[in-house]
């Protein structure tokens, strides 16, 4: 099971938000490129990058920073935020990005989403961000009446690489990941699911490892790594099956 460090970019800086609220920002670095290099040095096998400004504006804003990050590290990058066209996907993949994450498009533009999956097989990740059990879009600003399972059923035959499931209410809060909801979604999909949102400490990694047989392939971790609540080396060890306890 992969432990994937998150780098969220807003205003050119590496930040973390609380519950997707752009006004609740904590800045962890002025240079996201340095952060990517740090995670590579620590042994990350993949890095999760979100263009928060792009998610809010509906088009890439931090693409130059991301392109530079690709050149800085050899670790695969998965990118989300403001990706709304085949041209944008092609630009990212041509620049060396490994995978793109589409969320809003899955709900608002089914034709484009299917076309993207067909044009770039194995390079598209479905991002499902849920609030109160329903999918949220447009940088989490809008809620829908569509359930995560409905979205999965709509696209599970499109050749997706994976699904990222984020519980918005827990994201950035360090209150513990929603293991049960993640497991339930993974059990309904024949596609690897990556957990996200609210990782608190090593116990969350242990719980996800136990649930991995349901189809959970990894976990994205942000604030807990930056705050020091979770040690990255310990998280990787737990994700590989070494059960560790949180130190007192």
Protein backbone atom coordinates (compact mmCIF):
# COMPACT_ATOMS: atom_id res chain seq x y z
CA UNK A 1 0.00 0.00 0.00
CA UNK A 2 1.43 3.36 -1.05
CA UNK A 3 1.81 6.33 1.27
CA UNK A 4 1.57 9.38 -0.99
CA UNK A 5 2.65 12.79 0.34
CA UNK A 6 0.45 15.69 -0.75
CA UNK A 7 1.63 19.05 -2.04
CA UNK A 8 -1.17 21.59 -2.39
CA UNK A 9 -0.20 24.74 -4.26
CA UNK A 10 -1.89 28.08 -3.65
CA UNK A 11 -0.35 31.42 -4.53
CA UNK A 12 2.81 29.59 -5.57
CA UNK A 13 3.32 28.17 -2.08
CA UNK A 14 2.91 24.74 -0.47
CA UNK A 15 -0.13 25.00 1.79
CA UNK A 16 -2.76 22.93 3.56
CA UNK A 17 -6.41 23.87 3.89
CA UNK A 18 -9.00 22.82 6.44
CA UNK A 19 -12.08 21.13 4.94
CA UNK A 20 -11.26 22.65 1.57
CA UNK A 21 -11.75 26.19 2.87
CA UNK A 22 -9.45 28.51 0.91
CA UNK A 23 -9.54 31.00 3.78
CA UNK A 24 -8.21 28.44 6.29
CA UNK A 25 -4.71 28.18 4.89
CA UNK A 26 -1.51 27.08 6.59
CA UNK A 27 1.69 27.76 4.63
CA UNK A 28 4.36 25.08 4.97
CA UNK A 29 6.82 26.22 2.32
CA UNK A 30 7.33 29.11 -0.06
CA UNK A 31 8.76 26.67 -2.61
CA UNK A 32 6.74 23.55 -3.57
CA UNK A 33 9.65 22.33 -5.69
CA UNK A 34 11.83 22.02 -2.59
CA UNK A 35 9.06 20.07 -0.88
CA UNK A 36 8.83 17.61 -3.79
CA UNK A 37 12.59 17.03 -3.57
CA UNK A 38 12.29 16.46 0.16
CA UNK A 39 9.63 13.77 -0.24
CA UNK A 40 11.70 12.07 -2.92
CA UNK A 41 14.71 12.04 -0.58
CA UNK A 42 12.55 10.48 2.13
CA UNK A 43 11.58 7.63 -0.20
CA UNK A 44 8.19 8.63 -1.61
CA UNK A 45 7.15 6.41 -4.51
CA UNK A 46 4.54 8.89 -5.75
CA UNK A 47 3.61 12.49 -4.96
CA UNK A 48 0.11 13.97 -5.04
CA UNK A 49 -0.01 17.57 -6.28
CA UNK A 50 -3.09 19.80 -6.37
CA UNK A 51 -3.29 23.17 -8.08
CA UNK A 52 -5.73 24.77 -5.63
CA UNK A 53 -5.90 28.01 -7.58
CA UNK A 54 -6.63 25.98 -10.70
CA UNK A 55 -9.40 24.07 -8.93
CA UNK A 56 -11.02 27.34 -7.95
CA UNK A 57 -10.64 29.03 -11.35
CA UNK A 58 -11.42 26.02 -13.54
CA UNK A 59 -8.13 26.12 -15.43
CA UNK A 60 -4.48 25.45 -14.58
CA UNK A 61 -2.74 28.22 -12.67
CA UNK A 62 0.36 26.47 -11.30
CA UNK A 63 1.33 24.50 -14.42
CA UNK A 64 4.77 26.15 -14.66
CA UNK A 65 5.61 25.18 -11.08
CA UNK A 66 4.38 21.65 -11.69
CA UNK A 67 6.42 21.33 -14.90
CA UNK A 68 9.50 22.40 -12.95
CA UNK A 69 8.72 19.87 -10.23
CA UNK A 70 8.65 17.12 -12.86
CA UNK A 71 12.17 18.09 -13.87
CA UNK A 72 13.33 18.27 -10.24
CA UNK A 73 12.30 14.74 -9.24
CA UNK A 74 12.09 11.27 -10.77
CA UNK A 75 9.16 10.24 -8.56
CA UNK A 76 5.84 9.96 -10.48
CA UNK A 77 3.52 12.92 -9.93
CA UNK A 78 -0.27 12.76 -10.00
CA UNK A 79 -1.84 16.15 -10.65
CA UNK A 80 -5.29 17.56 -9.98
CA UNK A 81 -6.98 20.96 -10.02
CA UNK A 82 -8.55 22.85 -12.90
CA UNK A 83 -8.13 20.17 -15.55
CA UNK A 84 -11.05 20.64 -17.94
CA UNK A 85 -9.72 19.89 -21.43
CA UNK A 86 -7.90 17.21 -23.42
CA UNK A 87 -5.32 19.85 -24.32
CA UNK A 88 -4.49 20.44 -20.65
CA UNK A 89 -4.17 16.71 -20.02
CA UNK A 90 -1.89 16.33 -23.03
CA UNK A 91 0.26 19.23 -21.84
CA UNK A 92 0.67 17.74 -18.38
CA UNK A 93 1.43 14.23 -19.62
CA UNK A 94 3.80 15.53 -22.30
CA UNK A 95 5.62 17.48 -19.58
CA UNK A 96 6.22 14.22 -17.70
CA UNK A 97 3.33 14.09 -15.25
CA UNK A 98 2.40 10.46 -14.60
CA UNK A 99 -1.36 10.77 -13.99
CA UNK A 100 -4.03 13.45 -14.02
CA UNK A 101 -6.94 13.63 -11.59
CA UNK A 102 -10.39 14.57 -12.85
CA UNK A 103 -13.15 15.35 -10.39
CA UNK A 104 -15.52 18.14 -11.42
CA UNK A 105 -15.48 16.94 -15.03
CA UNK A 106 -16.79 13.51 -14.00
CA UNK A 107 -19.99 15.11 -12.75
CA UNK A 108 -20.38 18.09 -15.06
CA UNK A 109 -18.99 16.89 -18.39
CA UNK A 110 -19.45 13.17 -18.92
CA UNK A 111 -18.54 13.36 -22.62
CA UNK A 112 -15.19 14.98 -21.88
CA UNK A 113 -14.45 12.58 -19.04
CA UNK A 114 -15.04 9.51 -21.22
CA UNK A 115 -13.02 11.04 -24.05
CA UNK A 116 -10.14 11.71 -21.66
CA UNK A 117 -10.12 8.13 -20.42
CA UNK A 118 -10.10 6.81 -23.99
CA UNK A 119 -7.46 9.24 -25.23
CA UNK A 120 -5.13 8.67 -22.27
CA UNK A 121 -5.76 5.09 -21.08
CA UNK A 122 -4.33 4.31 -17.67
CA UNK A 123 -3.38 7.94 -17.04
CA UNK A 124 -6.66 9.23 -15.57
CA UNK A 125 -7.59 9.05 -11.90
CA UNK A 126 -11.16 9.72 -10.81
CA UNK A 127 -11.19 12.12 -7.87
CA UNK A 128 -14.26 11.71 -5.67
CA UNK A 129 -14.61 14.38 -3.01
CA UNK A 130 -17.57 13.72 -0.72
CA UNK A 131 -19.42 15.92 1.73
CA UNK A 132 -22.18 14.29 3.81
CA UNK A 133 -22.04 11.25 1.54
CA UNK A 134 -22.51 13.20 -1.71
CA UNK A 135 -20.03 14.32 -4.35
CA UNK A 136 -18.74 17.91 -4.22
CA UNK A 137 -17.17 19.73 -7.19
CA UNK A 138 -15.61 23.02 -8.30
CA UNK A 139 -12.86 23.00 -5.72
CA UNK A 140 -15.38 21.67 -3.15
CA UNK A 141 -17.49 24.81 -3.45
CA UNK A 142 -20.56 22.99 -4.83
CA UNK A 143 -22.34 19.92 -3.48
CA UNK A 144 -24.45 17.55 -5.56
CA UNK A 145 -27.07 14.88 -5.03
CA UNK A 146 -24.86 12.22 -6.63
CA UNK A 147 -23.30 9.52 -4.46
CA UNK A 148 -19.72 8.26 -4.86
CA UNK A 149 -21.02 4.81 -5.83
CA UNK A 150 -23.12 6.36 -8.61
CA UNK A 151 -20.06 8.03 -10.09
CA UNK A 152 -18.01 4.84 -9.87
CA UNK A 153 -20.69 2.82 -11.64
CA UNK A 154 -20.83 5.44 -14.38
CA UNK A 155 -17.13 5.24 -15.20
CA UNK A 156 -15.75 1.94 -13.94
CA UNK A 157 -15.46 0.52 -17.48
CA UNK A 158 -13.57 3.53 -18.86
CA UNK A 159 -10.03 2.35 -18.12
CA UNK A 160 -9.36 4.44 -15.03
CA UNK A 161 -6.03 4.03 -13.27
CA UNK A 162 -7.48 4.55 -9.79
CA UNK A 163 -10.02 6.38 -7.65
CA UNK A 164 -9.13 8.90 -4.95
CA UNK A 165 -11.80 9.12 -2.26
CA UNK A 166 -11.68 12.19 0.00
CA UNK A 167 -13.99 12.89 2.92
CA UNK A 168 -14.06 16.70 2.83
CA UNK A 169 -15.28 17.03 6.41
CA UNK A 170 -12.07 15.41 7.61
CA UNK A 171 -9.59 16.86 5.13
CA UNK A 172 -6.86 18.85 6.82
CA UNK A 173 -8.42 18.28 10.23
CA UNK A 174 -6.28 15.35 11.48
CA UNK A 175 -9.39 13.75 12.98
CA UNK A 176 -8.82 10.31 11.48
CA UNK A 177 -9.51 9.01 8.01
CA UNK A 178 -12.95 7.64 7.09
CA UNK A 179 -11.87 4.02 6.74
CA UNK A 180 -15.39 2.58 6.58
CA UNK A 181 -16.57 4.83 3.75
CA UNK A 182 -13.34 4.20 1.86
CA UNK A 183 -13.66 0.45 2.33
CA UNK A 184 -17.31 0.50 1.24
CA UNK A 185 -16.45 2.34 -1.96
CA UNK A 186 -13.50 0.07 -2.68
CA UNK A 187 -15.70 -3.00 -2.31
CA UNK A 188 -18.10 -1.69 -4.97
CA UNK A 189 -15.39 -0.87 -7.51
CA UNK A 190 -13.09 -3.09 -9.51
CA UNK A 191 -10.58 -0.24 -9.51
CA UNK A 192 -7.87 0.53 -6.90
CA UNK A 193 -8.99 3.14 -4.37
CA UNK A 194 -6.65 5.65 -2.74
CA UNK A 195 -7.83 6.99 0.63
CA UNK A 196 -7.59 10.67 1.44
CA UNK A 197 -8.73 13.21 4.00
CA UNK A 198 -8.04 13.50 7.72
CA UNK A 199 -5.14 11.13 8.36
CA UNK A 200 -4.28 11.69 12.02
CA UNK A 201 -1.50 9.31 12.97
CA UNK A 202 -0.01 5.85 12.46
CA UNK A 203 -3.24 4.19 13.59
CA UNK A 204 -4.95 5.34 10.40
CA UNK A 205 -2.25 3.68 8.32
CA UNK A 206 -2.62 0.47 10.34
CA UNK A 207 -6.40 0.47 9.82
CA UNK A 208 -6.10 1.06 6.08
CA UNK A 209 -3.54 -1.72 5.79
CA UNK A 210 -5.97 -4.14 7.47
CA UNK A 211 -8.67 -3.03 5.00
CA UNK A 212 -6.43 -3.25 1.92
CA UNK A 213 -8.03 -6.50 0.69
CA UNK A 214 -11.15 -4.48 -0.15
CA UNK A 215 -9.18 -2.72 -2.86
CA UNK A 216 -7.48 0.11 -0.97
CA UNK A 217 -4.17 0.64 -2.73
CA UNK A 218 -2.79 3.71 -1.03
CA UNK A 219 -3.35 6.75 1.14
CA UNK A 220 -2.65 10.44 0.55
CA UNK A 221 -1.27 12.25 3.58
CA UNK A 222 -0.86 15.99 3.97
CA UNK A 223 -1.15 17.93 7.21
CA UNK A 224 -0.18 15.04 9.51
CA UNK A 225 3.18 14.75 7.74
CA UNK A 226 3.82 18.49 7.75
CA UNK A 227 2.82 18.95 11.39
CA UNK A 228 4.94 16.00 12.52
CA UNK A 229 1.98 14.02 13.85
CA UNK A 230 2.97 11.23 11.46
CA UNK A 231 6.51 10.20 10.58
CA UNK A 232 6.83 9.34 6.89
CA UNK A 233 9.23 6.43 7.42
CA UNK A 234 6.92 4.93 10.05
CA UNK A 235 3.93 5.40 7.73
CA UNK A 236 5.68 3.55 4.92
CA UNK A 237 6.62 0.73 7.28
CA UNK A 238 3.01 0.41 8.50
CA UNK A 239 1.75 0.46 4.90
CA UNK A 240 4.07 -2.44 4.18
CA UNK A 241 2.57 -4.49 7.00
CA UNK A 242 4.74 -3.60 9.99
CA UNK A 243 2.25 -2.67 12.69
CA UNK A 244 3.46 0.35 14.58
CA UNK A 245 1.91 2.18 17.49
CA UNK A 246 1.73 5.92 17.94
CA UNK A 247 4.39 7.02 20.38
CA UNK A 248 3.14 8.78 23.52
